[in-house]
Amino acid sequence: MTPGRGATNGEVILVALSVLVMRGPDAPVAAPGAADALERLSALGRTIILAGDVVAGRRLPADAEARERWVRAVIGRAVDVQVVPFDAPAWELHDVAGETIAQDAWKKVRSEQGATWLITDARADIRAARTAGLHVVLAGPRPSEEPLAAHADIAARDLADAARLLLAQDLFGQVPAA
């Protein structure tokens, strides 16, 4: 499902764990509606949660299986998704070497997973992910003066809104106006 076209028998959508989880009073908790949004995304194809080593101030288990169990426990119910350990490399805007490393990391995860879309709340991921061939949905609030069109492909309020917009694009061939 590229911008302006419907899906063809199953998209692969990468979802950053930070879009699904937020700080709770004692430990990270699932964002409101996270599990429902993941279920809606499954109508488009396969959904993969990219689980880094830290989310919402909590260090996650280093072991991939333990990390996946933690993610599934926080989401709170069985959702048909895959969990893949992935930390997007940090880089400075004018650091060409760092940007190349970030692009290579996004290219690798895109290629390994066969992904087309990334849903993230990290503006720092947008440029490298798009250069690596991913379409990007930026989920979460953004400064009103920041022109989104030059960055992400789609702007969404949260994961539920991102799922709604991607489903609408799949159905109608374009993202509806907000």
C-alpha atoms as a PDB file:
ATOM      1  CA  MET A   1       0.000   0.000   0.000  1.00  0.00           C
ATOM      2  CA  THR A   2       1.994   2.907  -1.225  1.00  0.00           C
ATOM      3  CA  PRO A   3       0.562   6.398  -0.794  1.00  0.00           C
ATOM      4  CA  GLY A   4      -2.442   6.717  -3.050  1.00  0.00           C
ATOM      5  CA  ARG A   5      -2.797   2.967  -3.771  1.00  0.00           C
ATOM      6  CA  GLY A   6      -4.579   0.138  -1.995  1.00  0.00           C
ATOM      7  CA  ALA A   7      -2.856  -2.831  -0.394  1.00  0.00           C
ATOM      8  CA  THR A   8      -2.007  -5.896  -2.398  1.00  0.00           C
ATOM      9  CA  ASN A   9      -2.563  -9.034  -0.364  1.00  0.00           C
ATOM     10  CA  GLY A  10      -0.915  -8.049   2.857  1.00  0.00           C
ATOM     11  CA  GLU A  11       1.201  -5.165   3.941  1.00  0.00           C
ATOM     12  CA  VAL A  12       3.898  -5.435   6.561  1.00  0.00           C
ATOM     13  CA  ILE A  13       3.632  -2.581   9.034  1.00  0.00           C
ATOM     14  CA  LEU A  14       6.358  -1.866  11.563  1.00  0.00           C
ATOM     15  CA  VAL A  15       5.146  -0.252  14.785  1.00  0.00           C
ATOM     16  CA  ALA A  16       7.592   1.320  17.230  1.00  0.00           C
ATOM     17  CA  LEU A  17       6.976   0.037  20.752  1.00  0.00           C
ATOM     18  CA  SER A  18       7.052   3.625  22.034  1.00  0.00           C
ATOM     19  CA  VAL A  19       3.757   4.242  20.153  1.00  0.00           C
ATOM     20  CA  LEU A  20       2.130   1.361  22.074  1.00  0.00           C
ATOM     21  CA  VAL A  21       3.469   1.944  25.574  1.00  0.00           C
ATOM     22  CA  MET A  22       3.464   4.903  27.936  1.00  0.00           C
ATOM     23  CA  ARG A  23       4.718   5.616  31.418  1.00  0.00           C
ATOM     24  CA  GLY A  24       2.465   4.332  34.170  1.00  0.00           C
ATOM     25  CA  PRO A  25       2.553   5.192  37.872  1.00  0.00           C
ATOM     26  CA  ASP A  26       4.809   2.234  38.689  1.00  0.00           C
ATOM     27  CA  ALA A  27       5.698   0.649  35.353  1.00  0.00           C
ATOM     28  CA  PRO A  28       5.014   1.183  31.656  1.00  0.00           C
ATOM     29  CA  VAL A  29       1.455   0.432  30.524  1.00  0.00           C
ATOM     30  CA  ALA A  30      -0.250   0.016  27.168  1.00  0.00           C
ATOM     31  CA  ALA A  31      -1.437   3.249  25.581  1.00  0.00           C
ATOM     32  CA  PRO A  32      -5.230   3.517  25.461  1.00  0.00           C
ATOM     33  CA  GLY A  33      -6.604   1.565  22.517  1.00  0.00           C
ATOM     34  CA  ALA A  34      -3.236   0.018  21.582  1.00  0.00           C
ATOM     35  CA  ALA A  35      -4.470  -3.582  21.338  1.00  0.00           C
ATOM     36  CA  ASP A  36      -7.569  -2.546  19.357  1.00  0.00           C
ATOM     37  CA  ALA A  37      -5.432  -0.526  16.932  1.00  0.00           C
ATOM     38  CA  LEU A  38      -3.096  -3.486  16.418  1.00  0.00           C
ATOM     39  CA  GLU A  39      -6.111  -5.667  15.607  1.00  0.00           C
ATOM     40  CA  ARG A  40      -7.343  -3.122  13.051  1.00  0.00           C
ATOM     41  CA  LEU A  41      -3.893  -2.988  11.447  1.00  0.00           C
ATOM     42  CA  SER A  42      -4.018  -6.778  11.038  1.00  0.00           C
ATOM     43  CA  ALA A  43      -6.718  -6.209   8.389  1.00  0.00           C
ATOM     44  CA  LEU A  44      -3.957  -4.762   6.200  1.00  0.00           C
ATOM     45  CA  GLY A  45      -1.535  -7.621   6.695  1.00  0.00           C
ATOM     46  CA  ARG A  46       1.227  -8.485   9.127  1.00  0.00           C
ATOM     47  CA  THR A  47       2.087  -6.144  11.989  1.00  0.00           C
ATOM     48  CA  ILE A  48       5.519  -6.197  13.614  1.00  0.00           C
ATOM     49  CA  ILE A  49       6.328  -4.421  16.861  1.00  0.00           C
ATOM     50  CA  LEU A  50       9.865  -3.047  16.941  1.00  0.00           C
ATOM     51  CA  ALA A  51      10.953  -3.436  20.553  1.00  0.00           C
ATOM     52  CA  GLY A  52      14.078  -1.549  21.523  1.00  0.00           C
ATOM     53  CA  ASP A  53      15.920  -2.069  24.768  1.00  0.00           C
ATOM     54  CA  VAL A  54      14.253   0.875  26.584  1.00  0.00           C
ATOM     55  CA  VAL A  55      10.664   2.115  26.517  1.00  0.00           C
ATOM     56  CA  ALA A  56       8.864   4.602  28.748  1.00  0.00           C
ATOM     57  CA  GLY A  57      11.878   4.801  31.062  1.00  0.00           C
ATOM     58  CA  ARG A  58      12.134   1.024  31.518  1.00  0.00           C
ATOM     59  CA  ARG A  59      14.999  -1.175  30.376  1.00  0.00           C
ATOM     60  CA  LEU A  60      13.615  -4.269  28.668  1.00  0.00           C
ATOM     61  CA  PRO A  61      15.081  -7.766  28.915  1.00  0.00           C
ATOM     62  CA  ALA A  62      18.085  -8.372  26.659  1.00  0.00           C
ATOM     63  CA  ASP A  63      16.857 -11.838  25.697  1.00  0.00           C
ATOM     64  CA  ALA A  64      14.567 -11.609  22.636  1.00  0.00           C
ATOM     65  CA  GLU A  65      12.035 -14.137  23.987  1.00  0.00           C
ATOM     66  CA  ALA A  66      11.839 -12.425  27.381  1.00  0.00           C
ATOM     67  CA  ARG A  67      11.439  -9.057  25.658  1.00  0.00           C
ATOM     68  CA  GLU A  68       8.589 -10.435  23.553  1.00  0.00           C
ATOM     69  CA  ARG A  69       6.860 -11.858  26.666  1.00  0.00           C
ATOM     70  CA  TRP A  70       7.183  -8.457  28.371  1.00  0.00           C
ATOM     71  CA  VAL A  71       5.709  -6.638  25.341  1.00  0.00           C
ATOM     72  CA  ARG A  72       2.781  -9.054  25.102  1.00  0.00           C
ATOM     73  CA  ALA A  73       2.102  -8.808  28.842  1.00  0.00           C
ATOM     74  CA  VAL A  74       1.998  -5.002  28.686  1.00  0.00           C
ATOM     75  CA  ILE A  75      -0.278  -4.928  25.629  1.00  0.00           C
ATOM     76  CA  GLY A  76      -2.668  -6.941  27.754  1.00  0.00           C
ATOM     77  CA  ARG A  77      -4.286  -9.392  25.396  1.00  0.00           C
ATOM     78  CA  ALA A  78      -3.421 -11.765  22.623  1.00  0.00           C
ATOM     79  CA  VAL A  79      -2.899  -9.852  19.406  1.00  0.00           C
ATOM     80  CA  ASP A  80      -1.573 -11.496  16.256  1.00  0.00           C
ATOM     81  CA  VAL A  81       1.676  -9.568  15.929  1.00  0.00           C
ATOM     82  CA  GLN A  82       5.339 -10.389  15.760  1.00  0.00           C
ATOM     83  CA  VAL A  83       7.803  -8.744  18.137  1.00  0.00           C
ATOM     84  CA  VAL A  84      11.282  -8.009  16.775  1.00  0.00           C
ATOM     85  CA  PRO A  85      14.138  -6.521  18.809  1.00  0.00           C
ATOM     86  CA  PHE A  86      15.231  -3.294  17.098  1.00  0.00           C
ATOM     87  CA  ASP A  87      16.847  -0.082  18.290  1.00  0.00           C
ATOM     88  CA  ALA A  88      16.877   2.742  15.783  1.00  0.00           C
ATOM     89  CA  PRO A  89      20.358   4.260  15.779  1.00  0.00           C
ATOM     90  CA  ALA A  90      20.537   7.804  17.089  1.00  0.00           C
ATOM     91  CA  TRP A  91      22.220  10.358  14.850  1.00  0.00           C
ATOM     92  CA  GLU A  92      22.625  14.106  14.605  1.00  0.00           C
ATOM     93  CA  LEU A  93      21.012  16.037  11.766  1.00  0.00           C
ATOM     94  CA  HIS A  94      24.317  17.018  10.146  1.00  0.00           C
ATOM     95  CA  ASP A  95      26.183  13.781  10.903  1.00  0.00           C
ATOM     96  CA  VAL A  96      26.502  12.077   7.507  1.00  0.00           C
ATOM     97  CA  ALA A  97      28.157   8.938   8.925  1.00  0.00           C
ATOM     98  CA  GLY A  98      25.456   8.601  11.598  1.00  0.00           C
ATOM     99  CA  GLU A  99      22.700   9.101   9.037  1.00  0.00           C
ATOM    100  CA  THR A 100      24.209   6.381   6.850  1.00  0.00           C
ATOM    101  CA  ILE A 101      24.282   3.985   9.809  1.00  0.00           C
ATOM    102  CA  ALA A 102      20.651   4.809  10.601  1.00  0.00           C
ATOM    103  CA  GLN A 103      19.580   4.340   6.978  1.00  0.00           C
ATOM    104  CA  ASP A 104      21.393   1.003   6.822  1.00  0.00           C
ATOM    105  CA  ALA A 105      19.638  -0.174  10.008  1.00  0.00           C
ATOM    106  CA  TRP A 106      16.222   0.799   8.605  1.00  0.00           C
ATOM    107  CA  LYS A 107      17.051  -0.815   5.239  1.00  0.00           C
ATOM    108  CA  LYS A 108      18.010  -4.015   7.009  1.00  0.00           C
ATOM    109  CA  VAL A 109      14.811  -4.262   9.078  1.00  0.00           C
ATOM    110  CA  ARG A 110      12.705  -3.266   6.045  1.00  0.00           C
ATOM    111  CA  SER A 111      14.369  -5.948   3.930  1.00  0.00           C
ATOM    112  CA  GLU A 112      14.366  -8.692   6.584  1.00  0.00           C
ATOM    113  CA  GLN A 113      10.693  -8.141   7.409  1.00  0.00           C
ATOM    114  CA  GLY A 114       9.439  -7.177   3.943  1.00  0.00           C
ATOM    115  CA  ALA A 115       8.016  -3.985   5.428  1.00  0.00           C
ATOM    116  CA  THR A 116       6.445  -1.045   3.646  1.00  0.00           C
ATOM    117  CA  TRP A 117       5.245   1.156   6.501  1.00  0.00           C
ATOM    118  CA  LEU A 118       6.615   2.395   9.821  1.00  0.00           C
ATOM    119  CA  ILE A 119       4.434   3.887  12.533  1.00  0.00           C
ATOM    120  CA  THR A 120       6.595   5.862  14.945  1.00  0.00           C
ATOM    121  CA  ASP A 121       6.422   8.749  17.375  1.00  0.00           C
ATOM    122  CA  ALA A 122      10.123   9.558  16.961  1.00  0.00           C
ATOM    123  CA  ARG A 123      10.745  12.371  14.491  1.00  0.00           C
ATOM    124  CA  ALA A 124      14.411  11.362  14.467  1.00  0.00           C
ATOM    125  CA  ASP A 125      13.481   8.101  12.690  1.00  0.00           C
ATOM    126  CA  ILE A 126      11.556   9.688   9.815  1.00  0.00           C
ATOM    127  CA  ARG A 127      14.337  10.815   7.486  1.00  0.00           C
ATOM    128  CA  ALA A 128      16.452   7.662   7.710  1.00  0.00           C
ATOM    129  CA  ALA A 129      13.421   5.356   7.489  1.00  0.00           C
ATOM    130  CA  ARG A 130      12.025   7.157   4.437  1.00  0.00           C
ATOM    131  CA  THR A 131      15.437   7.148   2.753  1.00  0.00           C
ATOM    132  CA  ALA A 132      15.575   3.403   3.465  1.00  0.00           C
ATOM    133  CA  GLY A 133      12.351   2.936   1.490  1.00  0.00           C
ATOM    134  CA  LEU A 134       9.709   2.924   4.205  1.00  0.00           C
ATOM    135  CA  HIS A 135       6.562   5.045   4.190  1.00  0.00           C
ATOM    136  CA  VAL A 136       6.249   6.709   7.591  1.00  0.00           C
ATOM    137  CA  VAL A 137       3.287   7.556   9.785  1.00  0.00           C
ATOM    138  CA  LEU A 138       4.189   9.974  12.578  1.00  0.00           C
ATOM    139  CA  ALA A 139       1.880   9.245  15.503  1.00  0.00           C
ATOM    140  CA  GLY A 140       1.512  11.740  18.309  1.00  0.00           C
ATOM    141  CA  PRO A 141       1.369  15.454  18.868  1.00  0.00           C
ATOM    142  CA  ARG A 142       3.647  17.715  16.876  1.00  0.00           C
ATOM    143  CA  PRO A 143       4.481  21.387  17.093  1.00  0.00           C
ATOM    144  CA  SER A 144       1.961  23.357  15.037  1.00  0.00           C
ATOM    145  CA  GLU A 145       4.705  25.281  13.240  1.00  0.00           C
ATOM    146  CA  GLU A 146       6.435  22.117  11.996  1.00  0.00           C
ATOM    147  CA  PRO A 147       5.488  21.335   8.383  1.00  0.00           C
ATOM    148  CA  LEU A 148       4.793  17.609   8.434  1.00  0.00           C
ATOM    149  CA  ALA A 149       4.478  17.199   4.674  1.00  0.00           C
ATOM    150  CA  ALA A 150       8.241  17.589   4.317  1.00  0.00           C
ATOM    151  CA  HIS A 151       8.833  14.745   6.742  1.00  0.00           C
ATOM    152  CA  ALA A 152       6.383  11.892   7.320  1.00  0.00           C
ATOM    153  CA  ASP A 153       3.959  10.540   4.741  1.00  0.00           C
ATOM    154  CA  ILE A 154       1.014  10.677   7.153  1.00  0.00           C
ATOM    155  CA  ALA A 155       0.359  12.483  10.440  1.00  0.00           C
ATOM    156  CA  ALA A 156      -1.753  10.735  13.078  1.00  0.00           C
ATOM    157  CA  ARG A 157      -2.824  11.718  16.585  1.00  0.00           C
ATOM    158  CA  ASP A 158      -1.987   8.267  17.989  1.00  0.00           C
ATOM    159  CA  LEU A 159      -1.833   4.612  16.984  1.00  0.00           C
ATOM    160  CA  ALA A 160      -5.620   4.316  16.701  1.00  0.00           C
ATOM    161  CA  ASP A 161      -5.692   7.289  14.331  1.00  0.00           C
ATOM    162  CA  ALA A 162      -2.770   5.819  12.349  1.00  0.00           C
ATOM    163  CA  ALA A 163      -4.681   2.545  11.931  1.00  0.00           C
ATOM    164  CA  ARG A 164      -7.792   4.452  10.827  1.00  0.00           C
ATOM    165  CA  LEU A 165      -5.831   6.473   8.272  1.00  0.00           C
ATOM    166  CA  LEU A 166      -4.020   3.463   6.825  1.00  0.00           C
ATOM    167  CA  LEU A 167      -7.277   1.504   6.564  1.00  0.00           C
ATOM    168  CA  ALA A 168      -8.959   4.457   4.868  1.00  0.00           C
ATOM    169  CA  GLN A 169      -6.061   4.762   2.447  1.00  0.00           C
ATOM    170  CA  ASP A 170      -6.285   1.069   1.680  1.00  0.00           C
ATOM    171  CA  LEU A 171     -10.026   1.301   1.086  1.00  0.00           C
ATOM    172  CA  PHE A 172     -10.228   4.630  -0.749  1.00  0.00           C
ATOM    173  CA  GLY A 173      -6.717   5.003  -2.168  1.00  0.00           C
ATOM    174  CA  GLN A 174      -5.959   8.193  -0.248  1.00  0.00           C
ATOM    175  CA  VAL A 175      -5.673   9.472   3.291  1.00  0.00           C
ATOM    176  CA  PRO A 176      -8.804  11.372   4.375  1.00  0.00           C
ATOM    177  CA  ALA A 177      -8.431  14.987   5.467  1.00  0.00           C
ATOM    178  CA  ALA A 178      -8.179  15.440   9.217  1.00  0.00           C
END
